[in-house]
Amino acid sequence: MKEDIGKLVELQTIDAEIVRLAEKGKRLPEDREKIDAEMGAFTEETATMEERVNELVQQHRDKERECETNQEQVRKIKGRLLEIKTNNEYHAALKEIDYTEKKNEEIEDSILSLLEEIDTTRTAFDEQNAKTAAYRAEYEKKVGLIDEELNSLSSILKELEDKRDELRGGIKTSLLKKYDIIRERRNGVAVVSVWKEVCEGCHMNIPPQMYNELLRSDKLVTCPHCNRIIYWKDKDADES
């Protein structure tokens, strides 16, 4: 019986590790999605800021062209002043010149404001771009580690599952059935140790007589409180 219990303890250890690694295998893709989203947010913010810089630069070019067009218009009107023969036409031309020049003053003010905004936005973009580049380096490192760990998990799980199947093949069918039922009912834990008359599964004291039976290890014993299979483990020996 001592050998049977030893096999059940080993089986419990393997099953627990398989569960832990399987859960980790589910969590790692979620971690990957999270950092993908963070990387996407950085990239999107950088692209938005770059688009804004380009938009402002285009507005600046449009304003400069408009200003040049108006200046050319003023030159043409001034060139025709000597050819104008009536006072009404002359005053109308002067009025048009004055209107266009005032309009150009407004455009030049807009150009100055745009230049300031372009400078501020470009500085912010450069800072954001640097942050994105730094995060991308960290992102690629994290992704590499996750992918590497996922590949490693797959092979480790395969080895553990093969080992579990081989171990189960050497355990009595009746014991396996009992083990599987308890494990299903007790959140995946069917076998636990007892130390100083305390069950490590439910942390309740077991009767002294039952504790003595455990020390002999001559039959299968279950905890009277949580119904898990229990065995005696000398923790002092483990620590020494």
Protein backbone atom coordinates (compact mmCIF):
# COMPACT_ATOMS: atom_id res chain seq x y z
CA MET A 1 0.00 0.00 0.00
CA LYS A 2 2.89 2.34 0.74
CA GLU A 3 4.03 1.99 -2.87
CA ASP A 4 0.49 2.65 -4.13
CA ILE A 5 0.22 5.80 -2.04
CA GLY A 6 3.61 6.92 -3.33
CA LYS A 7 2.35 6.54 -6.90
CA LEU A 8 -0.81 8.54 -6.08
CA VAL A 9 1.31 11.30 -4.53
CA GLU A 10 3.46 11.42 -7.66
CA LEU A 11 0.35 11.41 -9.87
CA GLN A 12 -1.14 14.28 -7.87
CA THR A 13 2.08 16.26 -8.28
CA ILE A 14 2.10 15.71 -12.04
CA ASP A 15 -1.61 16.52 -12.41
CA ALA A 16 -1.18 19.72 -10.40
CA GLU A 17 1.76 20.77 -12.58
CA ILE A 18 -0.19 20.02 -15.76
CA VAL A 19 -3.06 22.19 -14.53
CA ARG A 20 -0.68 25.00 -13.57
CA LEU A 21 1.10 24.94 -16.91
CA ALA A 22 -2.17 24.67 -18.85
CA GLU A 23 -3.52 27.73 -17.05
CA LYS A 24 -0.28 29.53 -17.79
CA GLY A 25 -0.66 28.50 -21.42
CA LYS A 26 -4.07 30.22 -21.47
CA ARG A 27 -2.79 33.30 -19.67
CA LEU A 28 0.22 33.92 -21.92
CA PRO A 29 -1.88 34.67 -25.06
CA GLU A 30 -3.93 37.06 -22.92
CA ASP A 31 -0.70 38.76 -21.85
CA ARG A 32 0.28 38.93 -25.52
CA GLU A 33 -3.03 40.56 -26.43
CA LYS A 34 -2.54 43.12 -23.66
CA ILE A 35 0.90 44.23 -24.79
CA ASP A 36 -0.28 44.13 -28.42
CA ALA A 37 -3.03 46.58 -27.44
CA GLU A 38 -0.53 48.79 -25.61
CA MET A 39 1.79 48.76 -28.62
CA GLY A 40 -1.17 49.56 -30.86
CA ALA A 41 -2.11 52.52 -28.66
CA PHE A 42 1.43 53.91 -28.82
CA THR A 43 1.55 53.47 -32.59
CA GLU A 44 -1.88 55.02 -33.10
CA GLU A 45 -1.04 58.03 -30.93
CA THR A 46 2.22 58.55 -32.82
CA ALA A 47 0.46 58.26 -36.19
CA THR A 48 -2.21 60.74 -35.07
CA MET A 49 0.40 63.27 -34.00
CA GLU A 50 2.37 62.81 -37.24
CA GLU A 51 -0.83 63.33 -39.21
CA ARG A 52 -1.48 66.53 -37.26
CA VAL A 53 2.03 67.82 -38.02
CA ASN A 54 1.56 67.11 -41.73
CA GLU A 55 -1.85 68.77 -41.65
CA LEU A 56 -0.41 71.92 -40.07
CA VAL A 57 2.48 72.00 -42.54
CA GLN A 58 -0.01 71.74 -45.40
CA GLN A 59 -2.10 74.57 -43.93
CA HIS A 60 1.08 76.66 -43.69
CA ARG A 61 1.88 76.00 -47.35
CA ASP A 62 -1.68 76.87 -48.39
CA LYS A 63 -1.55 80.14 -46.45
CA GLU A 64 1.80 81.07 -48.00
CA ARG A 65 0.46 80.38 -51.49
CA GLU A 66 -2.64 82.44 -50.73
CA CYS A 67 -0.44 85.25 -49.46
CA GLU A 68 1.75 85.11 -52.59
CA THR A 69 -1.36 85.14 -54.81
CA ASN A 70 -2.69 88.22 -53.02
CA GLN A 71 0.68 89.98 -53.28
CA GLU A 72 0.77 89.26 -57.00
CA GLN A 73 -2.75 90.64 -57.30
CA VAL A 74 -1.72 93.85 -55.51
CA ARG A 75 1.29 94.24 -57.84
CA LYS A 76 -0.93 93.88 -60.88
CA ILE A 77 -3.46 96.43 -59.59
CA LYS A 78 -0.67 98.92 -58.77
CA GLY A 79 0.72 98.37 -62.25
CA ARG A 80 -2.61 99.41 -63.74
CA LEU A 81 -3.06 102.55 -61.64
CA LEU A 82 -1.39 104.80 -64.25
CA GLU A 83 -3.70 103.46 -66.92
CA ILE A 84 -6.90 104.25 -64.98
CA LYS A 85 -8.66 107.33 -66.34
CA THR A 86 -11.63 107.89 -63.96
CA ASN A 87 -11.62 108.78 -60.29
CA ASN A 88 -14.16 106.06 -59.49
CA GLU A 89 -12.00 103.36 -61.04
CA TYR A 90 -8.93 104.77 -59.32
CA HIS A 91 -10.55 104.77 -55.87
CA ALA A 92 -11.96 101.30 -56.47
CA ALA A 93 -8.47 100.02 -57.30
CA LEU A 94 -7.01 101.66 -54.17
CA LYS A 95 -9.81 100.13 -52.10
CA GLU A 96 -9.07 96.69 -53.55
CA ILE A 97 -5.36 97.13 -52.81
CA ASP A 98 -6.12 98.14 -49.20
CA TYR A 99 -8.52 95.20 -48.72
CA THR A 100 -6.05 92.69 -50.14
CA GLU A 101 -3.14 94.02 -48.09
CA LYS A 102 -5.20 93.87 -44.88
CA LYS A 103 -6.25 90.35 -45.78
CA ASN A 104 -2.60 89.45 -46.25
CA GLU A 105 -1.78 90.85 -42.80
CA GLU A 106 -4.37 88.48 -41.33
CA ILE A 107 -2.91 85.61 -43.36
CA GLU A 108 0.62 86.43 -42.16
CA ASP A 109 -0.63 86.43 -38.56
CA SER A 110 -2.16 83.00 -39.22
CA ILE A 111 1.14 81.83 -40.71
CA LEU A 112 3.02 82.90 -37.56
CA SER A 113 0.50 81.08 -35.37
CA LEU A 114 0.77 78.00 -37.56
CA LEU A 115 4.57 78.06 -37.34
CA GLU A 116 4.37 78.14 -33.54
CA GLU A 117 1.82 75.32 -33.50
CA ILE A 118 3.91 73.30 -35.95
CA ASP A 119 6.98 73.72 -33.74
CA THR A 120 5.08 72.69 -30.58
CA THR A 121 3.33 69.77 -32.26
CA ARG A 122 6.52 68.54 -33.93
CA THR A 123 8.34 68.61 -30.58
CA ALA A 124 5.51 66.60 -28.98
CA PHE A 125 5.56 64.20 -31.94
CA ASP A 126 9.33 63.67 -31.63
CA GLU A 127 8.92 62.90 -27.92
CA GLN A 128 6.03 60.51 -28.62
CA ASN A 129 7.97 58.88 -31.43
CA ALA A 130 10.90 58.28 -29.09
CA LYS A 131 8.57 56.76 -26.49
CA THR A 132 7.04 54.50 -29.14
CA ALA A 133 10.47 53.36 -30.33
CA ALA A 134 11.53 52.61 -26.75
CA TYR A 135 8.31 50.73 -26.04
CA ARG A 136 8.62 48.82 -29.32
CA ALA A 137 12.01 47.49 -28.24
CA GLU A 138 10.51 46.38 -24.92
CA TYR A 139 7.44 45.02 -26.71
CA GLU A 140 9.51 42.88 -29.07
CA LYS A 141 11.47 41.54 -26.12
CA LYS A 142 8.29 40.62 -24.22
CA VAL A 143 6.69 39.05 -27.29
CA GLY A 144 9.81 36.98 -27.90
CA LEU A 145 9.77 35.70 -24.33
CA ILE A 146 6.06 34.86 -24.50
CA ASP A 147 6.45 32.99 -27.79
CA GLU A 148 9.47 31.15 -26.45
CA GLU A 149 7.62 30.22 -23.27
CA LEU A 150 4.57 29.03 -25.20
CA ASN A 151 6.72 26.76 -27.34
CA SER A 152 8.49 25.45 -24.25
CA LEU A 153 5.19 24.88 -22.43
CA SER A 154 3.88 22.77 -25.27
CA SER A 155 6.79 20.32 -25.10
CA ILE A 156 6.84 20.25 -21.29
CA LEU A 157 3.11 19.52 -21.15
CA LYS A 158 3.54 16.71 -23.66
CA GLU A 159 6.26 15.14 -21.51
CA LEU A 160 4.18 15.47 -18.35
CA GLU A 161 1.09 14.01 -19.99
CA ASP A 162 3.10 11.04 -21.27
CA LYS A 163 4.56 10.54 -17.81
CA ARG A 164 1.11 10.79 -16.24
CA ASP A 165 -0.34 8.21 -18.64
CA GLU A 166 2.53 5.85 -17.92
CA LEU A 167 2.10 6.32 -14.17
CA ARG A 168 -1.65 5.76 -14.30
CA GLY A 169 -0.99 2.50 -16.11
CA GLY A 170 0.82 1.20 -13.03
CA ILE A 171 -1.90 2.10 -10.50
CA LYS A 172 -4.82 -0.17 -9.58
CA THR A 173 -8.07 0.71 -11.34
CA SER A 174 -9.96 0.96 -8.04
CA LEU A 175 -7.44 3.45 -6.65
CA LEU A 176 -7.49 5.51 -9.84
CA LYS A 177 -11.27 5.69 -9.76
CA LYS A 178 -11.23 6.88 -6.16
CA TYR A 179 -8.47 9.37 -6.96
CA ASP A 180 -10.30 10.79 -9.99
CA ILE A 181 -13.59 11.16 -8.11
CA ILE A 182 -11.98 12.98 -5.18
CA ARG A 183 -9.90 15.16 -7.48
CA GLU A 184 -12.98 16.21 -9.42
CA ARG A 185 -14.89 17.04 -6.23
CA ARG A 186 -12.00 18.77 -4.45
CA ASN A 187 -10.84 21.35 -6.96
CA GLY A 188 -8.20 19.14 -8.53
CA VAL A 189 -6.55 18.05 -5.26
CA ALA A 190 -7.14 14.43 -4.28
CA VAL A 191 -3.99 13.62 -2.27
CA VAL A 192 -2.55 15.76 0.53
CA SER A 193 0.01 15.29 3.27
CA VAL A 194 -0.56 15.28 7.01
CA TRP A 195 1.92 16.74 9.48
CA LYS A 196 1.49 16.87 13.22
CA GLU A 197 -2.06 15.49 12.92
CA VAL A 198 -3.16 18.35 10.63
CA CYS A 199 -4.51 17.73 7.12
CA GLU A 200 -2.79 20.02 4.62
CA GLY A 201 -5.93 19.99 2.46
CA CYS A 202 -8.50 21.36 4.91
CA HIS A 203 -6.14 22.28 7.80
CA MET A 204 -8.24 20.31 10.24
CA ASN A 205 -6.90 17.96 12.90
CA ILE A 206 -7.35 14.25 12.28
CA PRO A 207 -8.01 11.75 15.11
CA PRO A 208 -4.87 10.38 16.87
CA GLN A 209 -5.75 6.78 15.94
CA MET A 210 -6.01 7.73 12.26
CA TYR A 211 -2.69 9.55 12.54
CA ASN A 212 -1.09 6.36 13.85
CA GLU A 213 -2.50 4.47 10.87
CA LEU A 214 -0.89 7.00 8.58
CA LEU A 215 2.47 6.49 10.23
CA ARG A 216 2.24 2.76 9.47
CA SER A 217 1.28 3.44 5.81
CA ASP A 218 -0.29 0.00 5.56
CA LYS A 219 -3.66 1.06 4.17
CA LEU A 220 -5.38 3.88 2.28
CA VAL A 221 -6.67 6.60 4.62
CA THR A 222 -8.92 9.56 3.78
CA CYS A 223 -9.39 12.72 5.80
CA PRO A 224 -12.63 12.59 7.86
CA HIS A 225 -13.24 16.26 7.09
CA CYS A 226 -12.41 16.83 3.40
CA ASN A 227 -12.38 13.17 2.25
CA ARG A 228 -9.07 13.59 0.45
CA ILE A 229 -6.54 10.77 0.42
CA ILE A 230 -3.96 11.57 3.08
CA TYR A 231 -0.44 10.41 3.80
CA TRP A 232 2.16 11.23 6.42
CA LYS A 233 5.03 13.49 5.43
CA ASP A 234 8.01 14.28 7.65
CA LYS A 235 8.56 17.98 7.03
CA ASP A 236 11.47 18.10 9.47
CA ALA A 237 13.29 15.61 7.26
CA ASP A 238 12.56 17.73 4.18
CA GLU A 239 14.02 20.84 5.78
CA SER A 240 17.17 19.13 7.07
